[in-house]
Amino acid sequence: FIYNSLRDLIQPIQLGGGDVRDDPNDISDLERSAGYAAFFIGILTCFIAWSLHFAETWIFFSRQMRTFLTSYNTLIAVVVATA
């Protein structure tokens, strides 16, 4: 069950009526690489946002900087992960 769920998340979604595959398990290396890259970017974004969520407890930065990091953690995570 878990393997099939992850495979369905990684495989790209076919929105167009283009080439329809006979076997849904037959994906190209390019599609597989794109799926893994998207999965890695998602995990990286989640990790950065989760880390910045606790910036209020850090002692390294000023209070204003810590508040900024905590308030905009998702925006910062998306920008850093997709850069």
C-alpha atoms as a PDB file:
ATOM      1  CA  PHE A   1       0.000   0.000   0.000  1.00  0.00           C
ATOM      2  CA  ILE A   2       2.705   2.504   0.961  1.00  0.00           C
ATOM      3  CA  TYR A   3       4.819   1.712  -2.083  1.00  0.00           C
ATOM      4  CA  ASN A   4       1.866   2.180  -4.432  1.00  0.00           C
ATOM      5  CA  SER A   5       0.890   5.442  -2.743  1.00  0.00           C
ATOM      6  CA  LEU A   6       4.407   6.873  -3.050  1.00  0.00           C
ATOM      7  CA  ARG A   7       4.665   5.673  -6.643  1.00  0.00           C
ATOM      8  CA  ASP A   8       1.408   7.450  -7.493  1.00  0.00           C
ATOM      9  CA  LEU A   9       2.715  10.649  -5.897  1.00  0.00           C
ATOM     10  CA  ILE A  10       5.990  10.498  -7.807  1.00  0.00           C
ATOM     11  CA  GLN A  11       4.543   9.630 -11.212  1.00  0.00           C
ATOM     12  CA  PRO A  12       3.538  12.711 -13.182  1.00  0.00           C
ATOM     13  CA  ILE A  13      -0.160  13.321 -13.761  1.00  0.00           C
ATOM     14  CA  GLN A  14      -1.327  13.071 -17.351  1.00  0.00           C
ATOM     15  CA  LEU A  15      -3.649  16.065 -17.874  1.00  0.00           C
ATOM     16  CA  GLY A  16      -3.612  16.160 -21.644  1.00  0.00           C
ATOM     17  CA  GLY A  17      -5.017  13.652 -24.042  1.00  0.00           C
ATOM     18  CA  GLY A  18      -1.535  12.988 -25.429  1.00  0.00           C
ATOM     19  CA  ASP A  19       0.154   9.643 -25.523  1.00  0.00           C
ATOM     20  CA  VAL A  20      -1.691   7.225 -23.285  1.00  0.00           C
ATOM     21  CA  ARG A  21       0.411   4.425 -21.934  1.00  0.00           C
ATOM     22  CA  ASP A  22      -0.626   0.810 -22.077  1.00  0.00           C
ATOM     23  CA  ASP A  23       1.240   0.089 -18.858  1.00  0.00           C
ATOM     24  CA  PRO A  24       1.045   2.840 -16.184  1.00  0.00           C
ATOM     25  CA  ASN A  25       4.196   1.429 -14.541  1.00  0.00           C
ATOM     26  CA  ASP A  26       6.224   2.106 -17.702  1.00  0.00           C
ATOM     27  CA  ILE A  27       7.651   5.590 -17.151  1.00  0.00           C
ATOM     28  CA  SER A  28      10.729   7.108 -18.713  1.00  0.00           C
ATOM     29  CA  ASP A  29      13.911   8.027 -16.890  1.00  0.00           C
ATOM     30  CA  LEU A  30      13.179  11.720 -17.454  1.00  0.00           C
ATOM     31  CA  GLU A  31       9.761  11.460 -15.812  1.00  0.00           C
ATOM     32  CA  ARG A  32      11.190   9.480 -12.928  1.00  0.00           C
ATOM     33  CA  SER A  33      13.959  12.065 -12.426  1.00  0.00           C
ATOM     34  CA  ALA A  34      11.419  14.898 -12.466  1.00  0.00           C
ATOM     35  CA  GLY A  35       9.331  13.075  -9.888  1.00  0.00           C
ATOM     36  CA  TYR A  36      12.273  12.531  -7.569  1.00  0.00           C
ATOM     37  CA  ALA A  37      13.349  16.168  -7.962  1.00  0.00           C
ATOM     38  CA  ALA A  38       9.849  17.376  -7.051  1.00  0.00           C
ATOM     39  CA  PHE A  39       9.784  15.030  -4.060  1.00  0.00           C
ATOM     40  CA  PHE A  40      13.209  16.266  -2.891  1.00  0.00           C
ATOM     41  CA  ILE A  41      12.187  19.925  -3.260  1.00  0.00           C
ATOM     42  CA  GLY A  42       9.040  19.244  -1.248  1.00  0.00           C
ATOM     43  CA  ILE A  43      10.960  17.552   1.559  1.00  0.00           C
ATOM     44  CA  LEU A  44      13.564  20.342   1.579  1.00  0.00           C
ATOM     45  CA  THR A  45      10.856  23.023   1.731  1.00  0.00           C
ATOM     46  CA  CYS A  46       9.138  21.261   4.610  1.00  0.00           C
ATOM     47  CA  PHE A  47      12.408  20.895   6.521  1.00  0.00           C
ATOM     48  CA  ILE A  48      13.369  24.560   6.097  1.00  0.00           C
ATOM     49  CA  ALA A  49       9.909  25.796   7.089  1.00  0.00           C
ATOM     50  CA  TRP A  50       9.852  23.486  10.104  1.00  0.00           C
ATOM     51  CA  SER A  51      13.303  24.665  11.208  1.00  0.00           C
ATOM     52  CA  LEU A  52      12.391  28.335  10.829  1.00  0.00           C
ATOM     53  CA  HIS A  53       9.193  27.752  12.791  1.00  0.00           C
ATOM     54  CA  PHE A  54      11.312  27.586  15.944  1.00  0.00           C
ATOM     55  CA  ALA A  55      13.383  30.701  15.186  1.00  0.00           C
ATOM     56  CA  GLU A  56      11.799  32.541  18.126  1.00  0.00           C
ATOM     57  CA  THR A  57      13.848  30.400  20.516  1.00  0.00           C
ATOM     58  CA  TRP A  58      17.173  31.078  18.804  1.00  0.00           C
ATOM     59  CA  ILE A  59      19.656  33.388  20.513  1.00  0.00           C
ATOM     60  CA  PHE A  60      21.802  34.066  17.439  1.00  0.00           C
ATOM     61  CA  PHE A  61      19.750  36.913  15.935  1.00  0.00           C
ATOM     62  CA  SER A  62      18.052  40.040  17.202  1.00  0.00           C
ATOM     63  CA  ARG A  63      14.402  39.930  18.266  1.00  0.00           C
ATOM     64  CA  GLN A  64      13.267  41.628  15.043  1.00  0.00           C
ATOM     65  CA  MET A  65      15.151  39.140  12.875  1.00  0.00           C
ATOM     66  CA  ARG A  66      13.772  36.160  14.787  1.00  0.00           C
ATOM     67  CA  THR A  67      10.233  37.495  14.454  1.00  0.00           C
ATOM     68  CA  PHE A  68      10.739  38.007  10.713  1.00  0.00           C
ATOM     69  CA  LEU A  69      12.099  34.468  10.262  1.00  0.00           C
ATOM     70  CA  THR A  70       9.211  32.973  12.196  1.00  0.00           C
ATOM     71  CA  SER A  71       6.545  35.035  10.448  1.00  0.00           C
ATOM     72  CA  TYR A  72       7.742  34.385   6.918  1.00  0.00           C
ATOM     73  CA  ASN A  73       9.123  30.851   7.331  1.00  0.00           C
ATOM     74  CA  THR A  74       7.029  29.333   4.523  1.00  0.00           C
ATOM     75  CA  LEU A  75       7.899  32.079   2.057  1.00  0.00           C
ATOM     76  CA  ILE A  76      11.595  31.811   2.879  1.00  0.00           C
ATOM     77  CA  ALA A  77      11.459  28.003   2.572  1.00  0.00           C
ATOM     78  CA  VAL A  78       9.827  28.086  -0.857  1.00  0.00           C
ATOM     79  CA  VAL A  79      12.267  30.690  -2.177  1.00  0.00           C
ATOM     80  CA  VAL A  80      15.331  28.837  -0.867  1.00  0.00           C
ATOM     81  CA  ALA A  81      14.210  25.378  -1.995  1.00  0.00           C
ATOM     82  CA  THR A  82      13.250  26.418  -5.516  1.00  0.00           C
ATOM     83  CA  ALA A  83      16.261  28.662  -6.088  1.00  0.00           C
END
